[in-house]
Protein backbone atom coordinates (compact mmCIF):
# COMPACT_ATOMS: atom_id res chain seq x y z
CA LYS A 1 102.82 98.50 82.89
CA ALA A 2 103.02 100.49 86.16
CA GLY A 3 101.56 97.66 88.24
CA LEU A 4 98.59 99.78 89.32
CA PHE A 5 96.40 98.11 91.97
CA LEU A 6 93.75 95.83 90.42
CA VAL A 7 95.90 95.31 87.30
CA HIS A 8 99.03 94.30 89.21
CA ALA A 9 98.65 90.50 89.48
CA TRP A 10 100.86 89.83 86.47
CA LEU A 11 103.86 91.38 88.22
CA PRO A 12 104.65 88.80 90.98
CA LEU A 13 103.86 85.97 88.54
CA THR A 14 106.36 87.39 86.01
CA HIS A 15 109.06 87.93 88.66
CA SER A 16 108.69 84.36 89.89
CA LYS A 17 109.55 82.95 86.44
CA ALA A 18 111.87 85.60 84.98
CA PRO A 19 115.70 85.37 85.13
CA VAL A 20 117.23 87.56 87.81
CA PHE A 21 118.68 90.14 85.42
CA MET A 22 115.30 90.50 83.72
CA SER A 23 113.60 91.02 87.10
CA ALA A 24 116.13 93.75 87.87
CA LEU A 25 115.37 95.43 84.55
CA LEU A 26 111.62 94.97 84.92
CA SER A 27 111.35 96.44 88.41
CA GLY A 28 114.08 99.07 88.07
CA VAL A 29 113.16 100.41 84.65
CA MET A 30 110.17 98.94 82.86
CA LEU A 31 107.66 99.61 85.66
CA LYS A 32 108.59 103.29 85.40
CA VAL A 33 107.60 103.31 81.74
CA GLY A 34 103.98 103.20 82.88
CA VAL A 35 104.58 106.37 84.92
CA LEU A 36 106.35 107.95 81.91
CA GLY A 37 103.20 107.17 79.89
CA TRP A 38 101.03 109.03 82.41
CA LEU A 39 103.38 112.02 82.37
CA LYS A 40 103.55 112.17 78.60
CA PHE A 41 99.89 111.65 77.70
CA LEU A 42 97.82 112.97 80.57
CA PRO A 43 97.27 116.78 80.64
CA LEU A 44 98.74 117.01 84.14
CA GLY A 45 99.26 120.51 85.43
CA LEU A 46 96.75 121.98 82.95
CA PHE A 47 93.40 120.94 84.40
CA GLN A 48 92.01 119.67 87.66
CA PHE A 49 90.51 116.19 87.58
CA GLU A 50 88.93 115.92 90.99
CA ILE A 51 87.04 112.63 90.63
CA PHE A 52 89.84 110.89 88.77
CA GLY A 53 92.35 112.37 91.19
CA TRP A 54 90.66 110.82 94.22
CA VAL A 55 90.20 107.48 92.42
CA VAL A 56 93.89 107.35 91.44
CA SER A 57 94.96 108.43 94.95
CA ILE A 58 92.86 105.69 96.55
CA LEU A 59 94.32 103.13 94.16
CA GLY A 60 97.76 104.41 95.06
CA PHE A 61 97.15 103.83 98.78
CA LEU A 62 95.69 100.38 98.09
CA GLY A 63 98.78 99.55 96.02
CA ILE A 64 101.10 100.68 98.86
CA TYR A 65 99.32 98.43 101.37
CA MET A 66 99.03 95.56 98.87
CA GLY A 67 102.72 95.07 99.62
CA LEU A 68 101.69 93.36 102.85
CA TYR A 69 100.78 90.33 100.74
CA GLY A 70 104.48 89.85 100.05
CA VAL A 71 105.06 88.95 103.71
CA PHE A 72 103.14 85.71 103.01
CA GLN A 73 105.39 84.60 100.11
CA LYS A 74 108.18 82.00 100.25
CA GLY A 75 110.63 83.35 97.63
CA LEU A 76 113.03 86.28 97.75
CA LYS A 77 111.99 87.58 94.33
CA GLU A 78 108.30 87.28 95.19
CA VAL A 79 108.82 89.43 98.29
CA LEU A 80 110.66 92.00 96.15
CA ALA A 81 107.87 91.93 93.56
CA TYR A 82 105.26 92.93 96.10
CA SER A 83 107.65 95.54 97.42
CA SER A 84 107.74 97.00 93.91
CA ILE A 85 103.92 97.03 93.76
CA SER A 86 103.93 98.88 97.06
CA GLN A 87 106.54 101.39 95.93
CA MET A 88 104.73 102.04 92.65
CA GLY A 89 101.73 102.96 94.83
CA TYR A 90 103.69 106.05 95.95
CA LEU A 91 104.15 107.13 92.34
CA THR A 92 100.47 106.49 91.63
CA LEU A 93 99.61 108.59 94.69
CA LEU A 94 101.73 111.44 93.36
CA ILE A 95 99.96 111.31 90.00
CA GLY A 96 96.64 111.48 91.85
CA ALA A 97 97.85 114.44 93.89
CA THR A 98 98.81 116.23 90.69
CA MET A 99 95.30 115.65 89.28
CA LEU A 100 93.82 117.16 92.42
CA ASN A 101 96.25 120.07 92.60
CA PRO A 102 97.56 120.98 89.10
CA GLU A 103 99.38 124.06 90.45
CA SER A 104 101.90 121.79 92.17
CA TYR A 105 102.79 119.92 88.93
CA GLN A 106 106.39 121.12 88.60
CA GLU A 107 107.29 120.32 92.20
CA THR A 108 105.51 116.96 92.07
CA LEU A 109 107.23 116.12 88.78
CA PHE A 110 110.61 116.59 90.45
CA VAL A 111 109.58 114.32 93.32
CA ILE A 112 108.34 111.64 90.87
CA LEU A 113 111.61 111.70 88.91
CA PHE A 114 113.72 111.62 92.07
CA PHE A 115 111.69 108.65 93.38
CA VAL A 116 112.09 106.86 90.01
CA LEU A 117 115.90 107.29 90.21
CA HIS A 118 116.21 106.26 93.86
CA HIS A 119 113.92 103.24 93.61
CA GLY A 120 115.24 102.08 90.22
CA ILE A 121 118.83 101.80 91.51
CA ALA A 122 118.02 100.25 94.92
CA LYS A 123 115.42 97.74 93.70
CA SER A 124 117.50 96.62 90.71
CA SER A 125 120.39 96.00 93.08
CA LEU A 126 118.15 94.00 95.46
CA PHE A 127 116.93 91.72 92.68
CA LEU A 128 120.54 91.02 91.60
CA LEU A 129 121.44 90.38 95.23
CA ALA A 130 118.47 88.05 95.67
CA GLY A 131 119.70 86.00 92.73
CA ASN A 132 123.25 85.94 94.16
CA ILE A 133 121.96 84.82 97.61
CA LYS A 134 119.90 82.05 96.06
CA ASP A 135 122.71 80.79 93.81
CA LYS A 136 125.83 81.36 95.93
CA GLY A 137 124.39 81.56 99.44
CA LEU A 138 124.18 84.35 102.01
CA ASN A 139 127.53 85.79 103.02
CA ARG A 140 129.00 88.94 104.58
CA LEU A 141 129.18 90.89 101.32
CA ASN A 142 125.75 90.30 99.86
CA LEU A 143 124.20 90.58 103.34
CA THR A 144 125.76 94.04 103.85
CA LEU A 145 124.75 95.24 100.38
CA SER A 146 121.20 93.90 100.82
CA PHE A 147 120.88 95.63 104.19
CA ILE A 148 122.02 98.99 102.76
CA ASN A 149 119.62 98.77 99.79
CA TRP A 150 116.74 97.75 102.01
CA ALA A 151 117.60 100.67 104.34
CA VAL A 152 117.27 102.89 101.27
CA ILE A 153 113.90 101.40 100.30
CA VAL A 154 112.57 101.54 103.88
CA GLY A 155 113.69 105.16 104.13
CA LEU A 156 116.09 105.09 107.08
CA PRO A 157 117.69 108.48 107.93
CA PHE A 158 120.42 109.80 105.65
CA THR A 159 119.35 107.64 102.71
CA SER A 160 117.73 108.63 99.39
CA GLY A 161 114.57 106.80 100.53
CA ALA A 162 114.25 109.09 103.55
CA LEU A 163 114.62 112.16 101.33
CA ALA A 164 112.05 110.78 98.84
CA LYS A 165 109.49 110.13 101.55
CA VAL A 166 109.96 113.58 103.07
CA MET A 167 109.33 115.11 99.69
CA ILE A 168 106.27 112.93 99.09
CA LYS A 169 104.75 114.05 102.39
CA GLU A 170 105.38 117.67 101.42
CA GLN A 171 103.40 117.18 98.19
CA ILE A 172 100.50 115.23 99.75
CA ASP A 173 98.60 117.19 102.31
CA PHE A 174 95.93 114.57 102.94
CA ALA A 175 96.00 111.24 104.73
CA THR A 176 99.37 111.91 106.37
CA PRO A 177 98.89 109.14 109.02
CA LEU A 178 98.35 106.61 106.23
CA LEU A 179 101.59 107.72 104.57
CA SER A 180 103.50 107.49 107.82
CA LEU A 181 102.12 104.00 108.53
CA SER A 182 102.98 102.83 105.03
CA SER A 183 106.68 102.66 105.96
CA LEU A 184 105.78 99.72 108.19
CA VAL A 185 104.74 97.74 105.07
CA THR A 186 108.19 98.16 103.53
CA ALA A 187 109.89 97.34 106.86
CA LEU A 188 107.90 94.10 107.20
CA LEU A 189 108.88 93.10 103.67
CA ALA A 190 112.54 93.84 104.49
CA VAL A 191 112.51 91.61 107.57
CA ARG A 192 110.70 88.88 105.67
CA PHE A 193 113.39 89.06 102.97
CA PHE A 194 116.16 88.46 105.47
CA SER A 195 114.26 85.72 107.26
CA LEU A 196 114.06 83.88 103.96
CA ALA A 197 117.65 84.75 102.97
CA LYS A 198 119.14 83.14 106.09
CA GLU A 199 117.99 79.74 104.77
CA HIS A 200 120.69 80.10 102.09
CA TYR A 201 123.55 80.78 104.52
CA ASN A 202 127.06 80.22 103.12
CA LYS A 203 130.34 81.63 104.43
CA SER A 204 132.09 81.87 101.06
CA VAL A 205 132.01 85.21 99.24
CA ASP A 206 131.26 85.59 95.51
CA THR A 207 133.37 88.59 94.47
CA THR A 208 131.37 89.33 91.33
CA ILE A 209 128.55 90.84 93.40
CA ALA A 210 131.06 93.46 94.59
CA LEU A 211 130.18 95.29 91.34
CA LEU A 212 126.99 96.40 93.16
CA ILE A 213 129.01 98.41 95.70
CA LEU A 214 129.10 101.51 93.49
CA PRO A 215 125.34 101.77 92.70
CA THR A 216 124.60 100.92 96.36
CA LEU A 217 126.76 103.80 97.61
CA PHE A 218 125.27 106.13 94.96
CA SER A 219 121.77 105.24 96.10
CA LEU A 220 122.76 105.69 99.72
CA PHE A 221 124.44 109.09 99.37
CA LEU A 222 121.78 110.41 97.04
CA GLY A 223 120.03 111.34 100.27
CA PHE A 224 122.63 114.07 100.90
CA THR A 225 121.75 115.99 97.73
CA ALA A 226 119.24 118.15 99.60
CA ASP A 227 119.42 120.05 102.85
CA LEU A 228 116.52 118.55 104.74
CA THR A 229 116.10 117.82 108.42
CA LEU A 230 115.57 114.06 108.77
CA SER A 231 113.99 112.66 111.88
CA TRP A 232 115.19 109.52 113.66
CA THR A 233 111.50 108.56 113.96
CA GLU A 234 112.00 106.97 110.53
CA VAL A 235 113.66 104.09 112.37
CA ILE A 236 110.41 103.23 114.19
CA PRO A 237 108.79 101.21 111.33
CA LEU A 238 111.88 98.92 111.00
CA ALA A 239 112.12 98.49 114.79
CA THR A 240 108.39 97.62 114.90
CA ALA A 241 108.77 95.06 112.11
CA LEU A 242 111.72 93.43 113.91
CA CYS A 243 109.69 93.23 117.13
CA ILE A 244 106.74 91.61 115.28
CA PHE A 245 108.95 88.96 113.68
CA ALA A 246 110.84 88.32 116.97
CA PHE A 247 107.52 87.82 118.74
CA LEU A 248 106.36 85.35 116.06
CA HIS A 249 109.67 83.52 116.30
CA ILE A 250 109.31 83.19 120.09
CA LEU A 251 105.84 81.73 119.58
CA ARG A 252 107.29 79.41 116.90
CA TYR A 253 104.65 80.69 114.56
CA LYS A 254 105.01 79.75 110.91
CA ILE A 255 103.93 82.42 108.48
CA PRO A 256 101.35 80.89 106.07
CA ILE A 257 102.04 81.04 102.35
CA PHE A 258 99.36 82.72 100.26
CA PRO A 259 98.78 82.07 96.49
CA LEU A 260 101.15 84.17 94.44
CA SER A 261 98.56 85.63 92.10
CA ASP A 262 96.47 87.19 94.95
CA ILE A 263 93.32 88.82 93.45
CA ALA A 264 93.73 86.97 90.12
CA ASN A 265 93.58 83.74 92.10
CA LEU A 266 90.41 84.84 93.82
CA SER A 267 88.70 85.23 90.46
CA PHE A 268 89.18 81.53 89.81
CA SER A 269 88.84 79.92 93.18
CA LEU A 270 87.96 80.23 96.81
CA PRO A 271 91.07 79.44 98.88
CA LYS A 272 90.61 77.79 102.21
CA ILE A 273 93.14 79.53 104.49
CA SER A 274 94.58 77.49 107.33
CA LEU A 275 97.04 79.25 109.63
CA HIS A 276 98.31 75.89 110.92
CA THR A 277 99.85 74.83 107.59
CA GLN A 278 102.71 76.29 105.61
CA GLU A 279 100.91 76.06 102.29
CA ILE A 280 97.40 77.15 101.41
CA THR A 281 95.49 74.71 99.23
CA VAL A 282 92.63 75.62 96.93
CA GLU A 283 89.79 73.15 97.57
CA LYS A 284 86.72 74.65 96.00
CA TYR A 285 86.39 76.19 92.57
CA LEU A 286 83.74 78.62 91.44
CA PRO A 287 81.74 76.46 89.01
CA LYS A 288 81.18 78.85 86.10
CA ILE A 289 84.25 81.06 85.85
CA PRO A 290 86.72 78.35 84.61
CA LYS A 291 84.18 77.42 81.91
CA ILE A 292 83.91 81.01 80.76
CA PHE A 293 87.70 81.40 80.55
CA SER A 294 88.06 78.10 78.65
CA GLN A 295 85.51 79.29 76.10
CA ALA A 296 87.29 82.65 75.80
CA ASP A 297 90.58 80.78 75.30
CA ARG A 298 89.11 78.77 72.39
CA LEU A 299 87.83 81.97 70.77
CA LEU A 300 91.19 83.71 71.11
CA LYS A 301 92.93 80.83 69.35
CA ASP A 302 91.05 81.84 66.18
CA PRO A 303 93.21 84.50 64.46
CA SER A 304 90.22 86.31 62.93
CA THR A 305 88.56 86.65 66.35
CA THR A 306 91.72 87.97 67.90
CA PHE A 307 92.22 90.46 65.07
CA ALA A 308 88.63 91.70 65.40
CA LEU A 309 89.03 92.16 69.16
CA MET A 310 92.27 94.12 68.69
CA VAL A 311 90.62 96.39 66.09
CA ALA A 312 87.67 96.97 68.43
CA LEU A 313 90.04 97.73 71.29
CA VAL A 314 92.00 100.26 69.22
CA ILE A 315 88.74 101.97 68.18
CA VAL A 316 87.54 102.17 71.78
CA LEU A 317 90.84 103.51 73.01
CA PHE A 318 91.07 106.04 70.20
CA ALA A 319 87.47 107.24 70.84
CA THR A 320 88.18 107.52 74.56
CA PHE A 321 91.32 109.52 73.92
CA ALA A 322 89.55 111.79 71.46
CA THR A 323 86.73 112.41 73.92
CA PHE A 324 89.00 113.32 76.82
CA SER A 325 91.48 115.34 74.71
CA SER A 326 88.62 117.51 73.40
């Protein structure tokens, strides 16, 4: 549910097919239900889980940098989907930090809830704006609102995103350079979003999207709720991303499009990547894996087999929970 790295591949696939309002609900609210599950059912703050803490923290960092895959997508919603995977990596990292340092649970819990609020509002707005850009075209209003919400996600100074990232760095006292560099991932996704949005340019303004002005301003000024010194160095990631895309534009370099399902696709096929073409084609298939999945598909169509598997899964999960809770 939380889009944790290694079990995240469903997320971009779902966003690519879902209606815009469902994508906004999915990314803004439903992803956070996974985090709520962790907070409700894990004994965070009571015990130290050193091994699990490091595993979860590493998965969090991998999830943050998995967002780079979104740069190689061709749809606005797909770029936003990988941005959500990246942002959920921060929440995963905070959960891992709590496992490693249970004494900081109360402070980390506040940071998690603040991040959930800030990201939920900004990302929901961006999905609705992406739908508006695709249907009505890019214009002054949705361009301005998109820029403000991306500024919030990137963490530019005086936004709720800047405040959230400052608080995250205060809670995580390891791998600070990796955290600082992670802002570049979000900045690259932001620039990719606008490079794709300009293809839908239209001068006319759809006034219905003006309804997003209020949540956009709320998300923006949420950053003023705490008295923190914010550094203008937070602008460096976005400036770097702009320079990278400008350099590629001067070279007339076309960004290749990678398969949407990333690691799930790799389990079925070996993609041949060519940087000279816009699309990547899958030419060779692993011989045995499709056969295994087709056999599994036939088994799952039998109701008795499916029921038996569900019962077995429930027993395993219950036994695991009983073991750890004891």
